[in-house]
Amino acid sequence: MFTKEQIAERFRLLQDDICRQLVAADGGGVFQEDLWQHHEGGGGRSRVIAGKTIEKGGVNFSAVTGMLPEVIASNMGIPRTTFFATGVSIVLHPHSPMAPIIHMNVRYFEAGGNRWWFGGGIDLTPHYVVPEDAHYFHSQLKTVCDGFHPEFYATFKKQADDYFFIKHRDETRGIGGIFFDYQDELKTGLPHERLFEFAVAVGETFAPTYVELLRRAKDRPWGKREKNWQMLRRGRYVEFNLVWDRGTKFGLETGGRTESILMSMPPVAHWAYNYQPEPGSPEAVTLQWLRKGIDFLAI
């Protein structure tokens, strides 16, 4: 079984590798790094890029310790105890409305020294859904999942559909992906070491997959109409993160660093009262894709 220090170090290296790949793909931006300390113990490295291709992106690493707040312990169904949490969290907002927003997170959690689990996932939020890109994205995720368990992709895809759902809008945040949480040996039949390898493999899948999606979007034309739609879709992204995202709530309720927690917010977003896209328009077609249960591997 890996120690929490070994897991944290591997996640730290994962952050380094992803940042290198994103700088190369962006073609102009560099990451600014901010080191910080958690008020109870540990800390992290927040890295933010404002580049040529990526308008705003954050790649965060953290490894923190403390006491679980009573409300969070209750929600987890465990007594209030000490905790250790480490992971890498990423959100990227591109300049082009023809390129997608992407989120990735891999994490490890220990409670009281004898309870542990892994979590994470990757999900994609295109401003305009391109079926071929959706197929490619989900095929990448299925490949990494199939290398560890034959049921992982189907199970984690459904969990992503259910989790990344904007209930008050009755629409998914994007085209989903995979989402897994509270994964331990009892739940999966896989030992600690194998689940750690899976979390790392998910993290390593992220950058090559997104770089390819950026390459595909590079020459797609766009104008004022597409940019306005991008701003409205960013508004939906903000709504999900502030209203429904458990990671945001956990970070704020445990006294995490606010700037790092909210780095997922886009630089600019719009809200329009009762906006309805023109029937049959590309915007209306995209909305038709934003529902649960679509088999993107079949399109």
Protein backbone atom coordinates (compact mmCIF):
# COMPACT_ATOMS: atom_id res chain seq x y z
CA MET A 1 0.00 0.00 0.00
CA PHE A 2 1.34 3.41 -0.95
CA THR A 3 1.74 6.00 1.77
CA LYS A 4 -0.13 9.29 1.56
CA GLU A 5 3.22 11.04 1.07
CA GLN A 6 4.02 8.86 -1.95
CA ILE A 7 0.60 9.54 -3.44
CA ALA A 8 0.96 13.28 -2.92
CA GLU A 9 4.39 13.28 -4.58
CA ARG A 10 3.05 11.40 -7.61
CA PHE A 11 0.21 13.88 -7.97
CA ARG A 12 2.72 16.72 -7.71
CA LEU A 13 4.66 15.21 -10.63
CA LEU A 14 1.41 14.81 -12.56
CA GLN A 15 0.76 18.53 -12.18
CA ASP A 16 4.22 19.28 -13.57
CA ASP A 17 3.74 17.01 -16.59
CA ILE A 18 0.30 18.37 -17.45
CA CYS A 19 1.51 21.97 -17.22
CA ARG A 20 4.39 21.22 -19.60
CA GLN A 21 2.02 19.74 -22.18
CA LEU A 22 -0.46 22.61 -21.91
CA VAL A 23 2.23 25.28 -22.32
CA ALA A 24 3.42 23.57 -25.49
CA ALA A 25 -0.14 23.30 -26.84
CA ASP A 26 -1.09 26.88 -25.96
CA GLY A 27 1.72 28.38 -28.01
CA GLY A 28 2.24 31.54 -26.02
CA GLY A 29 1.18 31.37 -22.40
CA VAL A 30 3.07 30.40 -19.28
CA PHE A 31 1.80 29.33 -15.88
CA GLN A 32 2.05 31.63 -12.90
CA GLU A 33 2.64 29.67 -9.70
CA ASP A 34 1.33 30.53 -6.26
CA LEU A 35 2.43 28.49 -3.23
CA TRP A 36 0.07 28.48 -0.27
CA GLN A 37 -0.37 26.92 3.17
CA HIS A 38 -3.53 25.46 4.66
CA HIS A 39 -4.39 26.90 8.07
CA GLU A 40 -4.47 23.44 9.71
CA GLY A 41 -1.69 21.70 7.83
CA GLY A 42 -0.19 21.14 4.40
CA GLY A 43 -0.81 23.36 1.42
CA GLY A 44 -0.49 23.40 -2.33
CA ARG A 45 0.64 24.90 -5.62
CA SER A 46 -1.87 26.85 -7.69
CA ARG A 47 -0.89 27.43 -11.31
CA VAL A 48 -2.88 29.71 -13.62
CA ILE A 49 -2.36 30.41 -17.30
CA ALA A 50 -3.78 33.18 -19.49
CA GLY A 51 -2.44 32.34 -22.91
CA LYS A 52 -2.91 32.45 -26.64
CA THR A 53 -5.26 29.45 -26.89
CA ILE A 54 -6.33 29.04 -23.26
CA GLU A 55 -8.03 32.23 -22.07
CA LYS A 56 -7.94 31.10 -18.45
CA GLY A 57 -6.77 27.82 -17.03
CA GLY A 58 -5.89 26.50 -13.62
CA VAL A 59 -3.89 23.40 -12.71
CA ASN A 60 -3.90 22.99 -8.94
CA PHE A 61 -2.12 20.57 -6.64
CA SER A 62 -2.88 20.30 -2.95
CA ALA A 63 -2.09 18.08 0.02
CA VAL A 64 -3.82 19.25 3.18
CA THR A 65 -4.65 17.93 6.63
CA GLY A 66 -7.10 18.99 9.30
CA MET A 67 -10.25 18.06 11.21
CA LEU A 68 -13.37 17.25 9.24
CA PRO A 69 -16.20 19.69 9.93
CA GLU A 70 -19.14 17.98 11.61
CA VAL A 71 -21.49 18.54 8.67
CA ILE A 72 -19.07 16.91 6.18
CA ALA A 73 -18.36 13.94 8.46
CA SER A 74 -22.11 13.45 8.84
CA ASN A 75 -22.63 13.55 5.07
CA MET A 76 -19.88 10.94 4.68
CA GLY A 77 -21.41 8.75 7.37
CA ILE A 78 -18.29 8.70 9.53
CA PRO A 79 -17.42 10.12 12.98
CA ARG A 80 -15.71 13.51 13.06
CA THR A 81 -12.00 12.80 12.69
CA THR A 82 -8.77 14.02 11.14
CA PHE A 83 -8.42 13.94 7.37
CA PHE A 84 -5.75 14.03 4.69
CA ALA A 85 -6.65 15.03 1.14
CA THR A 86 -4.41 15.35 -1.88
CA GLY A 87 -5.06 15.71 -5.57
CA VAL A 88 -4.81 17.60 -8.82
CA SER A 89 -7.70 19.70 -10.11
CA ILE A 90 -7.91 21.36 -13.53
CA VAL A 91 -10.31 23.62 -15.40
CA LEU A 92 -9.49 25.18 -18.78
CA HIS A 93 -11.51 27.87 -20.58
CA PRO A 94 -10.38 28.41 -24.20
CA HIS A 95 -10.55 31.64 -26.18
CA SER A 96 -12.34 29.99 -29.09
CA PRO A 97 -16.03 29.13 -28.67
CA MET A 98 -15.37 26.22 -31.02
CA ALA A 99 -13.07 24.59 -28.44
CA PRO A 100 -14.51 23.02 -25.28
CA ILE A 101 -14.15 23.74 -21.59
CA ILE A 102 -12.62 20.77 -19.80
CA HIS A 103 -12.39 19.72 -16.16
CA MET A 104 -10.26 17.01 -14.58
CA ASN A 105 -9.74 15.97 -10.99
CA VAL A 106 -7.95 13.07 -9.33
CA ARG A 107 -7.81 12.84 -5.56
CA TYR A 108 -7.01 10.67 -2.57
CA PHE A 109 -8.63 10.96 0.84
CA GLU A 110 -7.80 9.44 4.22
CA ALA A 111 -9.98 9.77 7.30
CA GLY A 112 -8.65 8.92 10.72
CA GLY A 113 -5.73 6.99 9.31
CA ASN A 114 -7.68 3.78 8.54
CA ARG A 115 -10.33 4.86 6.01
CA TRP A 116 -9.24 5.73 2.49
CA TRP A 117 -10.63 6.16 -1.02
CA PHE A 118 -9.80 7.53 -4.43
CA GLY A 119 -11.94 9.77 -6.61
CA GLY A 120 -11.84 11.90 -9.69
CA GLY A 121 -12.86 12.04 -13.32
CA ILE A 122 -12.81 14.04 -16.52
CA ASP A 123 -15.76 15.81 -18.14
CA LEU A 124 -16.11 17.94 -21.25
CA THR A 125 -18.28 21.03 -21.77
CA PRO A 126 -18.35 22.01 -25.44
CA HIS A 127 -19.92 25.33 -26.34
CA TYR A 128 -20.95 23.58 -29.57
CA VAL A 129 -21.23 19.80 -29.50
CA VAL A 130 -19.30 18.17 -32.35
CA PRO A 131 -20.35 14.48 -32.49
CA GLU A 132 -16.99 13.29 -33.82
CA ASP A 133 -15.18 15.04 -30.97
CA ALA A 134 -17.61 13.62 -28.43
CA HIS A 135 -16.97 10.12 -29.76
CA TYR A 136 -13.21 10.62 -29.58
CA PHE A 137 -13.38 12.00 -26.03
CA HIS A 138 -15.46 9.13 -24.70
CA SER A 139 -13.38 6.52 -26.52
CA GLN A 140 -10.27 7.84 -24.75
CA LEU A 141 -11.99 7.50 -21.40
CA LYS A 142 -13.28 4.01 -22.15
CA THR A 143 -9.79 2.88 -23.11
CA VAL A 144 -8.27 3.97 -19.81
CA CYS A 145 -11.18 2.51 -17.81
CA ASP A 146 -11.08 -0.84 -19.63
CA GLY A 147 -7.45 -1.24 -18.64
CA PHE A 148 -8.52 -1.61 -15.01
CA HIS A 149 -12.07 -2.95 -14.83
CA PRO A 150 -14.64 -3.94 -17.50
CA GLU A 151 -17.46 -2.13 -15.69
CA PHE A 152 -15.64 1.12 -14.88
CA TYR A 153 -16.55 3.07 -18.02
CA ALA A 154 -20.28 2.33 -18.01
CA THR A 155 -20.55 2.86 -14.26
CA PHE A 156 -18.50 6.05 -14.14
CA LYS A 157 -20.13 7.49 -17.28
CA LYS A 158 -23.55 7.18 -15.66
CA GLN A 159 -22.20 8.75 -12.49
CA ALA A 160 -20.85 11.66 -14.55
CA ASP A 161 -24.22 12.13 -16.26
CA ASP A 162 -25.92 12.21 -12.87
CA TYR A 163 -23.32 14.41 -11.18
CA PHE A 164 -22.69 17.03 -13.87
CA PHE A 165 -26.38 17.86 -14.15
CA ILE A 166 -27.77 21.35 -13.68
CA LYS A 167 -31.00 20.43 -11.94
CA HIS A 168 -32.55 23.88 -12.03
CA ARG A 169 -32.00 24.01 -15.81
CA ASP A 170 -32.84 20.35 -16.49
CA GLU A 171 -29.74 19.97 -18.64
CA THR A 172 -26.32 18.40 -18.33
CA ARG A 173 -23.34 20.72 -17.98
CA GLY A 174 -21.82 19.25 -21.13
CA ILE A 175 -21.35 15.82 -22.69
CA GLY A 176 -20.25 14.20 -19.45
CA GLY A 177 -17.27 11.89 -19.19
CA ILE A 178 -16.44 9.78 -16.15
CA PHE A 179 -16.89 10.53 -12.47
CA PHE A 180 -15.87 8.27 -9.59
CA ASP A 181 -15.80 8.83 -5.85
CA TYR A 182 -15.33 6.82 -2.64
CA GLN A 183 -13.50 4.08 -4.56
CA ASP A 184 -11.85 1.57 -2.23
CA GLU A 185 -11.06 -2.14 -2.20
CA LEU A 186 -14.45 -3.10 -0.77
CA LYS A 187 -16.35 -1.22 -3.47
CA THR A 188 -14.27 -2.23 -6.50
CA GLY A 189 -12.44 -5.44 -5.58
CA LEU A 190 -9.20 -3.72 -6.56
CA PRO A 191 -6.38 -3.17 -4.05
CA HIS A 192 -5.10 0.22 -2.96
CA GLU A 193 -2.14 0.06 -5.35
CA ARG A 194 -4.31 -0.70 -8.38
CA LEU A 195 -6.78 2.09 -7.64
CA PHE A 196 -3.89 4.51 -7.27
CA GLU A 197 -2.61 3.40 -10.68
CA PHE A 198 -6.08 4.01 -12.12
CA ALA A 199 -6.26 7.53 -10.71
CA VAL A 200 -2.83 8.32 -12.18
CA ALA A 201 -3.83 6.82 -15.54
CA VAL A 202 -6.91 9.05 -15.67
CA GLY A 203 -4.69 12.04 -14.93
CA GLU A 204 -2.23 11.06 -17.64
CA THR A 205 -5.06 10.69 -20.19
CA PHE A 206 -6.16 14.28 -19.68
CA ALA A 207 -3.53 16.37 -21.46
CA PRO A 208 -3.13 14.34 -24.70
CA THR A 209 -6.91 14.15 -25.05
CA TYR A 210 -7.45 17.89 -24.61
CA VAL A 211 -4.50 18.82 -26.82
CA GLU A 212 -6.07 16.79 -29.63
CA LEU A 213 -9.43 18.53 -29.13
CA LEU A 214 -7.71 21.92 -29.29
CA ARG A 215 -5.98 20.88 -32.51
CA ARG A 216 -9.31 19.90 -34.06
CA ALA A 217 -10.93 23.21 -33.09
CA LYS A 218 -8.05 25.41 -34.20
CA ASP A 219 -9.28 26.25 -37.72
CA ARG A 220 -13.02 26.29 -37.08
CA PRO A 221 -14.31 29.81 -37.89
CA TRP A 222 -16.33 31.82 -35.40
CA GLY A 223 -17.64 35.32 -34.93
CA LYS A 224 -19.72 37.52 -32.67
CA ARG A 225 -22.69 35.11 -32.56
CA GLU A 226 -20.56 32.18 -31.46
CA LYS A 227 -18.74 34.32 -28.89
CA ASN A 228 -22.03 35.44 -27.36
CA TRP A 229 -23.16 31.82 -27.11
CA GLN A 230 -19.88 30.92 -25.43
CA MET A 231 -20.50 33.57 -22.77
CA LEU A 232 -23.99 32.18 -22.08
CA ARG A 233 -22.68 28.62 -21.78
CA ARG A 234 -20.01 29.84 -19.39
CA GLY A 235 -22.83 31.22 -17.28
CA ARG A 236 -24.29 27.73 -17.02
CA TYR A 237 -20.85 26.47 -15.99
CA VAL A 238 -20.71 29.01 -13.17
CA GLU A 239 -24.19 28.04 -12.01
CA PHE A 240 -23.21 24.40 -11.65
CA ASN A 241 -19.96 25.09 -9.85
CA LEU A 242 -21.48 27.46 -7.31
CA VAL A 243 -24.77 25.65 -6.70
CA TRP A 244 -24.12 21.92 -7.12
CA ASP A 245 -20.40 21.10 -7.12
CA ARG A 246 -19.42 19.11 -4.01
CA GLY A 247 -15.72 19.90 -4.41
CA THR A 248 -16.38 23.63 -4.23
CA LYS A 249 -18.51 23.17 -1.12
CA PHE A 250 -15.94 20.89 0.54
CA GLY A 251 -13.11 23.32 -0.11
CA LEU A 252 -14.97 26.31 1.26
CA GLU A 253 -16.39 24.45 4.27
CA THR A 254 -12.96 23.10 5.28
CA GLY A 255 -11.35 26.52 5.12
CA GLY A 256 -9.56 25.93 1.85
CA ARG A 257 -7.88 28.65 -0.16
CA THR A 258 -10.65 30.62 -1.85
CA GLU A 259 -8.59 31.74 -4.87
CA SER A 260 -7.65 28.12 -5.65
CA ILE A 261 -11.17 26.80 -5.13
CA LEU A 262 -12.73 29.40 -7.40
CA MET A 263 -10.07 29.27 -10.11
CA SER A 264 -12.60 27.20 -12.11
CA MET A 265 -14.65 30.31 -12.78
CA PRO A 266 -14.36 31.69 -16.35
CA PRO A 267 -12.88 35.18 -16.80
CA VAL A 268 -16.12 36.48 -18.36
CA ALA A 269 -19.64 35.01 -18.45
CA HIS A 270 -23.06 36.30 -19.47
CA TRP A 271 -26.64 35.74 -18.39
CA ALA A 272 -29.58 36.69 -20.62
CA TYR A 273 -33.15 36.64 -19.38
CA ASN A 274 -35.11 33.69 -20.82
CA TYR A 275 -32.76 33.28 -23.78
CA GLN A 276 -34.11 30.88 -26.42
CA PRO A 277 -31.96 29.94 -29.41
CA GLU A 278 -33.49 30.01 -32.86
CA PRO A 279 -35.05 26.62 -33.72
CA GLY A 280 -32.75 24.53 -35.87
CA SER A 281 -29.73 26.74 -35.14
CA PRO A 282 -26.37 25.26 -34.08
CA GLU A 283 -27.08 26.58 -30.59
CA ALA A 284 -30.43 24.78 -30.44
CA VAL A 285 -28.84 21.58 -31.73
CA THR A 286 -26.23 21.74 -28.99
CA LEU A 287 -28.95 22.01 -26.34
CA GLN A 288 -30.48 18.80 -27.67
CA TRP A 289 -27.27 16.97 -26.79
CA LEU A 290 -27.28 18.19 -23.19
CA ARG A 291 -29.17 15.31 -21.61
CA LYS A 292 -28.34 12.18 -19.71
CA GLY A 293 -27.79 8.72 -21.14
CA ILE A 294 -26.46 9.49 -24.62
CA ASP A 295 -24.12 6.80 -25.94
CA PHE A 296 -21.46 8.95 -27.55
CA LEU A 297 -19.49 5.87 -28.57
CA ALA A 298 -22.32 4.88 -30.90
CA ILE A 299 -22.40 8.13 -32.90
